[in-house]
Amino acid sequence: MASRISRFTLGFAALMAMQFVGGKLAQWLALPIPPAIMGMVILLIVLTRFGRLACAAEVAGRPLLKHMMLFFIPAVVGVMEQFQALKSGWLPFVVASIAGAALTLVVTALTLEKLMKRQKAVE
């Protein structure tokens, strides 16, 4: 039990550190990239270099994924707060939302297909 708690603490600290570093790096470089995305890119780089951290990150990330819908509340509130602006420019917003969702779906499907082929080749 203590080992699981220490792995959770290490993983959660690593996730928060990557989020913080991503935010500071995006701010310092003045990049138009959300801090969370920048943090995930940094996390990916760190996980490829330090494989042991992946287990701790998984232990910490699993409870967060169970409650993932809670992370979307600020975005929904932001959209609702800008409702008047969206009334006049709703078409670009809808097109961008649909195009973004479609692009995400296609990239996810292609990635899954490539990983499944790689797994079959290994077996």
N, C-alpha and C. Protein backbone atom coordinates (compact mmCIF):
# COMPACT_ATOMS: atom_id res chain seq x y z
N MET A 1 0.82 -1.19 0.00
CA MET A 1 0.00 0.00 0.00
C MET A 1 0.86 1.26 0.00
N ALA A 2 1.91 1.26 0.81
CA ALA A 2 2.79 2.43 0.89
C ALA A 2 3.48 2.66 -0.46
N SER A 3 3.81 1.56 -1.14
CA SER A 3 4.46 1.69 -2.44
C SER A 3 3.52 2.34 -3.45
N ARG A 4 2.25 1.96 -3.40
CA ARG A 4 1.26 2.54 -4.31
C ARG A 4 1.06 4.02 -4.02
N ILE A 5 1.04 4.39 -2.75
CA ILE A 5 0.88 5.79 -2.38
C ILE A 5 2.09 6.60 -2.82
N SER A 6 3.27 6.04 -2.65
CA SER A 6 4.48 6.76 -3.07
C SER A 6 4.53 6.89 -4.59
N ARG A 7 4.09 5.85 -5.32
CA ARG A 7 4.04 5.95 -6.78
C ARG A 7 3.02 6.98 -7.23
N PHE A 8 1.86 7.00 -6.54
CA PHE A 8 0.84 8.00 -6.86
C PHE A 8 1.39 9.40 -6.62
N THR A 9 2.05 9.60 -5.49
CA THR A 9 2.60 10.92 -5.15
C THR A 9 3.65 11.33 -6.17
N LEU A 10 4.54 10.42 -6.52
CA LEU A 10 5.56 10.72 -7.51
C LEU A 10 4.92 11.03 -8.86
N GLY A 11 3.97 10.22 -9.28
CA GLY A 11 3.31 10.43 -10.57
C GLY A 11 2.54 11.73 -10.62
N PHE A 12 1.81 12.03 -9.54
CA PHE A 12 1.03 13.27 -9.49
C PHE A 12 1.96 14.48 -9.50
N ALA A 13 3.05 14.39 -8.75
CA ALA A 13 4.02 15.49 -8.73
C ALA A 13 4.64 15.68 -10.12
N ALA A 14 4.92 14.58 -10.81
CA ALA A 14 5.48 14.67 -12.16
C ALA A 14 4.48 15.30 -13.12
N LEU A 15 3.21 14.89 -13.04
CA LEU A 15 2.19 15.47 -13.90
C LEU A 15 2.03 16.97 -13.65
N MET A 16 2.00 17.36 -12.39
CA MET A 16 1.85 18.78 -12.06
C MET A 16 3.09 19.57 -12.47
N ALA A 17 4.27 18.97 -12.32
CA ALA A 17 5.50 19.65 -12.72
C ALA A 17 5.53 19.87 -14.22
N MET A 18 5.10 18.87 -14.99
CA MET A 18 5.08 19.03 -16.45
C MET A 18 4.06 20.09 -16.86
N GLN A 19 2.94 20.14 -16.17
CA GLN A 19 1.92 21.16 -16.43
C GLN A 19 2.51 22.54 -16.16
N PHE A 20 3.18 22.68 -15.04
CA PHE A 20 3.78 23.97 -14.66
C PHE A 20 4.87 24.38 -15.64
N VAL A 21 5.77 23.45 -15.95
CA VAL A 21 6.86 23.75 -16.88
C VAL A 21 6.30 24.09 -18.26
N GLY A 22 5.28 23.35 -18.69
CA GLY A 22 4.65 23.64 -19.98
C GLY A 22 4.05 25.03 -20.02
N GLY A 23 3.40 25.42 -18.93
CA GLY A 23 2.82 26.76 -18.85
C GLY A 23 3.88 27.84 -18.89
N LYS A 24 4.91 27.66 -18.13
CA LYS A 24 6.00 28.66 -18.10
C LYS A 24 6.72 28.73 -19.44
N LEU A 25 6.95 27.57 -20.07
CA LEU A 25 7.64 27.55 -21.36
C LEU A 25 6.79 28.22 -22.44
N ALA A 26 5.50 27.92 -22.46
CA ALA A 26 4.61 28.56 -23.44
C ALA A 26 4.56 30.06 -23.21
N GLN A 27 4.55 30.47 -21.95
CA GLN A 27 4.54 31.90 -21.63
C GLN A 27 5.86 32.56 -22.01
N TRP A 28 6.97 31.92 -21.69
CA TRP A 28 8.30 32.48 -21.95
C TRP A 28 8.56 32.60 -23.45
N LEU A 29 8.16 31.58 -24.21
CA LEU A 29 8.37 31.60 -25.65
C LEU A 29 7.26 32.33 -26.41
N ALA A 30 6.23 32.77 -25.68
CA ALA A 30 5.08 33.47 -26.27
C ALA A 30 4.45 32.64 -27.38
N LEU A 31 4.28 31.35 -27.10
CA LEU A 31 3.67 30.45 -28.07
C LEU A 31 2.15 30.43 -27.90
N PRO A 32 1.42 30.36 -28.99
CA PRO A 32 -0.04 30.30 -28.88
C PRO A 32 -0.54 28.87 -28.63
N ILE A 33 0.11 28.19 -27.72
CA ILE A 33 -0.22 26.80 -27.40
C ILE A 33 -0.69 26.77 -25.95
N PRO A 34 -1.81 26.10 -25.67
CA PRO A 34 -2.27 26.01 -24.27
C PRO A 34 -1.21 25.33 -23.40
N PRO A 35 -1.08 25.80 -22.17
CA PRO A 35 -0.09 25.21 -21.26
C PRO A 35 -0.27 23.71 -21.06
N ALA A 36 -1.51 23.23 -21.06
CA ALA A 36 -1.75 21.80 -20.87
C ALA A 36 -1.17 20.98 -22.02
N ILE A 37 -1.30 21.49 -23.24
CA ILE A 37 -0.74 20.79 -24.40
C ILE A 37 0.78 20.80 -24.34
N MET A 38 1.34 21.95 -24.01
CA MET A 38 2.79 22.05 -23.89
C MET A 38 3.29 21.11 -22.79
N GLY A 39 2.56 21.03 -21.68
CA GLY A 39 2.93 20.11 -20.60
C GLY A 39 2.87 18.66 -21.04
N MET A 40 1.87 18.31 -21.86
CA MET A 40 1.77 16.93 -22.35
C MET A 40 2.92 16.58 -23.29
N VAL A 41 3.34 17.54 -24.10
CA VAL A 41 4.48 17.29 -24.99
C VAL A 41 5.74 17.07 -24.16
N ILE A 42 5.92 17.89 -23.14
CA ILE A 42 7.08 17.72 -22.26
C ILE A 42 6.99 16.38 -21.53
N LEU A 43 5.80 16.02 -21.07
CA LEU A 43 5.61 14.73 -20.41
C LEU A 43 5.95 13.58 -21.34
N LEU A 44 5.54 13.67 -22.59
CA LEU A 44 5.87 12.63 -23.56
C LEU A 44 7.38 12.49 -23.72
N ILE A 45 8.06 13.62 -23.83
CA ILE A 45 9.52 13.59 -23.97
C ILE A 45 10.17 12.97 -22.74
N VAL A 46 9.70 13.37 -21.55
CA VAL A 46 10.27 12.83 -20.30
C VAL A 46 9.99 11.33 -20.19
N LEU A 47 8.78 10.90 -20.55
CA LEU A 47 8.44 9.48 -20.45
C LEU A 47 9.25 8.62 -21.41
N THR A 48 9.59 9.17 -22.58
CA THR A 48 10.42 8.39 -23.51
C THR A 48 11.85 8.27 -22.99
N ARG A 49 12.28 9.21 -22.18
CA ARG A 49 13.65 9.17 -21.65
C ARG A 49 13.74 8.40 -20.33
N PHE A 50 12.69 8.50 -19.51
CA PHE A 50 12.69 7.87 -18.19
C PHE A 50 11.49 6.95 -18.09
N GLY A 51 11.63 5.72 -18.52
CA GLY A 51 10.53 4.77 -18.57
C GLY A 51 9.94 4.42 -17.21
N ARG A 52 10.75 4.50 -16.16
CA ARG A 52 10.25 4.14 -14.82
C ARG A 52 9.17 5.09 -14.36
N LEU A 53 9.21 6.31 -14.83
CA LEU A 53 8.22 7.30 -14.43
C LEU A 53 6.84 6.99 -15.01
N ALA A 54 6.80 6.20 -16.08
CA ALA A 54 5.53 5.88 -16.73
C ALA A 54 4.58 5.14 -15.78
N CYS A 55 5.09 4.23 -14.98
CA CYS A 55 4.25 3.49 -14.04
C CYS A 55 3.65 4.43 -13.01
N ALA A 56 4.45 5.33 -12.48
CA ALA A 56 3.97 6.28 -11.48
C ALA A 56 2.95 7.23 -12.11
N ALA A 57 3.20 7.68 -13.34
CA ALA A 57 2.27 8.57 -14.02
C ALA A 57 0.94 7.86 -14.29
N GLU A 58 1.01 6.57 -14.59
CA GLU A 58 -0.22 5.80 -14.82
C GLU A 58 -1.04 5.68 -13.53
N VAL A 59 -0.36 5.40 -12.44
CA VAL A 59 -1.05 5.27 -11.15
C VAL A 59 -1.72 6.58 -10.77
N ALA A 60 -1.06 7.70 -11.03
CA ALA A 60 -1.65 9.01 -10.71
C ALA A 60 -2.71 9.42 -11.72
N GLY A 61 -2.53 9.04 -12.97
CA GLY A 61 -3.46 9.46 -14.01
C GLY A 61 -4.77 8.71 -14.05
N ARG A 62 -4.77 7.47 -13.58
CA ARG A 62 -5.99 6.65 -13.64
C ARG A 62 -7.17 7.30 -12.90
N PRO A 63 -7.01 7.75 -11.65
CA PRO A 63 -8.15 8.40 -10.99
C PRO A 63 -8.56 9.70 -11.68
N LEU A 64 -7.60 10.41 -12.26
CA LEU A 64 -7.93 11.65 -12.97
C LEU A 64 -8.77 11.35 -14.21
N LEU A 65 -8.45 10.27 -14.91
CA LEU A 65 -9.20 9.91 -16.11
C LEU A 65 -10.63 9.49 -15.78
N LYS A 66 -10.84 8.91 -14.61
CA LYS A 66 -12.19 8.52 -14.21
C LYS A 66 -13.11 9.74 -14.10
N HIS A 67 -12.54 10.88 -13.77
CA HIS A 67 -13.32 12.10 -13.58
C HIS A 67 -12.97 13.16 -14.63
N MET A 68 -12.66 12.70 -15.82
CA MET A 68 -12.19 13.60 -16.87
C MET A 68 -13.23 14.66 -17.26
N MET A 69 -14.50 14.32 -17.19
CA MET A 69 -15.53 15.28 -17.57
C MET A 69 -15.45 16.56 -16.73
N LEU A 70 -14.99 16.45 -15.50
CA LEU A 70 -14.86 17.64 -14.66
C LEU A 70 -13.86 18.64 -15.24
N PHE A 71 -12.89 18.15 -16.00
CA PHE A 71 -11.88 19.04 -16.58
C PHE A 71 -12.44 19.87 -17.73
N PHE A 72 -13.59 19.47 -18.27
CA PHE A 72 -14.19 20.22 -19.37
C PHE A 72 -15.11 21.35 -18.88
N ILE A 73 -15.44 21.37 -17.62
CA ILE A 73 -16.35 22.40 -17.10
C ILE A 73 -15.81 23.81 -17.35
N PRO A 74 -14.54 24.11 -17.07
CA PRO A 74 -14.06 25.48 -17.35
C PRO A 74 -14.20 25.88 -18.82
N ALA A 75 -13.97 24.95 -19.74
CA ALA A 75 -14.11 25.27 -21.16
C ALA A 75 -15.56 25.55 -21.52
N VAL A 76 -16.47 24.78 -20.98
CA VAL A 76 -17.90 24.99 -21.25
C VAL A 76 -18.35 26.32 -20.67
N VAL A 77 -17.90 26.63 -19.47
CA VAL A 77 -18.24 27.91 -18.85
C VAL A 77 -17.67 29.06 -19.69
N GLY A 78 -16.47 28.89 -20.20
CA GLY A 78 -15.87 29.92 -21.06
C GLY A 78 -16.69 30.16 -22.32
N VAL A 79 -17.18 29.08 -22.92
CA VAL A 79 -18.02 29.23 -24.12
C VAL A 79 -19.32 29.93 -23.75
N MET A 80 -19.92 29.55 -22.64
CA MET A 80 -21.17 30.18 -22.23
C MET A 80 -20.97 31.65 -21.88
N GLU A 81 -19.81 31.97 -21.34
CA GLU A 81 -19.50 33.35 -20.99
C GLU A 81 -19.37 34.23 -22.24
N GLN A 82 -18.95 33.64 -23.33
CA GLN A 82 -18.77 34.36 -24.60
C GLN A 82 -19.95 34.15 -25.54
N PHE A 83 -21.10 33.85 -24.99
CA PHE A 83 -22.26 33.51 -25.81
C PHE A 83 -22.66 34.64 -26.75
N GLN A 84 -22.58 35.87 -26.30
CA GLN A 84 -22.95 37.01 -27.16
C GLN A 84 -22.02 37.10 -28.36
N ALA A 85 -20.74 36.91 -28.15
CA ALA A 85 -19.79 36.94 -29.27
C ALA A 85 -20.04 35.77 -30.21
N LEU A 86 -20.43 34.63 -29.67
CA LEU A 86 -20.70 33.46 -30.51
C LEU A 86 -21.99 33.61 -31.31
N LYS A 87 -22.91 34.41 -30.81
CA LYS A 87 -24.15 34.62 -31.55
C LYS A 87 -23.88 35.22 -32.92
N SER A 88 -22.95 36.16 -32.97
CA SER A 88 -22.66 36.82 -34.25
C SER A 88 -21.70 36.00 -35.12
N GLY A 89 -20.85 35.20 -34.51
CA GLY A 89 -19.88 34.43 -35.28
C GLY A 89 -19.99 32.95 -35.02
N TRP A 90 -21.19 32.41 -35.01
CA TRP A 90 -21.40 31.01 -34.66
C TRP A 90 -20.92 30.06 -35.74
N LEU A 91 -21.01 30.46 -37.00
CA LEU A 91 -20.65 29.53 -38.08
C LEU A 91 -19.18 29.12 -38.03
N PRO A 92 -18.22 30.07 -37.93
CA PRO A 92 -16.82 29.63 -37.83
C PRO A 92 -16.56 28.75 -36.61
N PHE A 93 -17.24 29.02 -35.51
CA PHE A 93 -17.08 28.22 -34.30
C PHE A 93 -17.56 26.79 -34.53
N VAL A 94 -18.72 26.65 -35.15
CA VAL A 94 -19.28 25.32 -35.41
C VAL A 94 -18.41 24.56 -36.40
N VAL A 95 -17.99 25.25 -37.48
CA VAL A 95 -17.14 24.60 -38.48
C VAL A 95 -15.82 24.15 -37.85
N ALA A 96 -15.20 25.03 -37.06
CA ALA A 96 -13.93 24.68 -36.41
C ALA A 96 -14.12 23.52 -35.44
N SER A 97 -15.22 23.50 -34.72
CA SER A 97 -15.48 22.41 -33.77
C SER A 97 -15.65 21.07 -34.49
N ILE A 98 -16.42 21.08 -35.57
CA ILE A 98 -16.65 19.84 -36.32
C ILE A 98 -15.37 19.39 -37.01
N ALA A 99 -14.65 20.33 -37.62
CA ALA A 99 -13.40 19.98 -38.30
C ALA A 99 -12.37 19.46 -37.30
N GLY A 100 -12.28 20.09 -36.14
CA GLY A 100 -11.34 19.64 -35.11
C GLY A 100 -11.67 18.24 -34.61
N ALA A 101 -12.96 17.99 -34.40
CA ALA A 101 -13.38 16.66 -33.94
C ALA A 101 -13.10 15.60 -35.01
N ALA A 102 -13.38 15.95 -36.28
CA ALA A 102 -13.13 15.00 -37.37
C ALA A 102 -11.64 14.72 -37.52
N LEU A 103 -10.82 15.76 -37.44
CA LEU A 103 -9.37 15.58 -37.54
C LEU A 103 -8.85 14.71 -36.40
N THR A 104 -9.34 14.96 -35.20
CA THR A 104 -8.94 14.15 -34.05
C THR A 104 -9.33 12.69 -34.24
N LEU A 105 -10.52 12.46 -34.74
CA LEU A 105 -10.99 11.09 -34.98
C LEU A 105 -10.12 10.38 -36.01
N VAL A 106 -9.79 11.07 -37.10
CA VAL A 106 -8.97 10.46 -38.16
C VAL A 106 -7.57 10.15 -37.64
N VAL A 107 -6.95 11.12 -36.95
CA VAL A 107 -5.59 10.90 -36.44
C VAL A 107 -5.58 9.77 -35.42
N THR A 108 -6.58 9.71 -34.57
CA THR A 108 -6.66 8.64 -33.58
C THR A 108 -6.82 7.28 -34.26
N ALA A 109 -7.67 7.21 -35.27
CA ALA A 109 -7.89 5.94 -35.99
C ALA A 109 -6.61 5.50 -36.70
N LEU A 110 -5.92 6.42 -37.35
CA LEU A 110 -4.68 6.07 -38.05
C LEU A 110 -3.60 5.62 -37.07
N THR A 111 -3.53 6.30 -35.93
CA THR A 111 -2.54 5.91 -34.91
C THR A 111 -2.85 4.53 -34.37
N LEU A 112 -4.11 4.27 -34.07
CA LEU A 112 -4.51 2.96 -33.58
C LEU A 112 -4.20 1.87 -34.59
N GLU A 113 -4.50 2.13 -35.86
CA GLU A 113 -4.23 1.16 -36.92
C GLU A 113 -2.73 0.86 -37.01
N LYS A 114 -1.91 1.91 -36.95
CA LYS A 114 -0.46 1.71 -37.02
C LYS A 114 0.05 0.91 -35.82
N LEU A 115 -0.46 1.23 -34.63
CA LEU A 115 -0.03 0.50 -33.42
C LEU A 115 -0.48 -0.96 -33.45
N MET A 116 -1.67 -1.21 -33.98
CA MET A 116 -2.13 -2.60 -34.07
C MET A 116 -1.29 -3.39 -35.06
N LYS A 117 -0.89 -2.78 -36.17
CA LYS A 117 -0.02 -3.47 -37.12
C LYS A 117 1.33 -3.74 -36.49
N ARG A 118 1.83 -2.79 -35.73
CA ARG A 118 3.12 -2.97 -35.06
C ARG A 118 3.04 -4.09 -34.04
N GLN A 119 1.93 -4.17 -33.31
CA GLN A 119 1.77 -5.21 -32.30
C GLN A 119 1.69 -6.58 -32.97
N LYS A 120 1.00 -6.69 -34.10
CA LYS A 120 0.91 -7.97 -34.83
C LYS A 120 2.26 -8.39 -35.35
N ALA A 121 3.08 -7.42 -35.77
CA ALA A 121 4.42 -7.74 -36.28
C ALA A 121 5.32 -8.27 -35.17
N VAL A 122 5.11 -7.79 -33.95
CA VAL A 122 5.92 -8.22 -32.82
C VAL A 122 5.53 -9.62 -32.40
N GLU A 123 4.24 -9.94 -32.49
CA GLU A 123 3.75 -11.25 -32.06
C GLU A 123 4.15 -12.24 -33.07
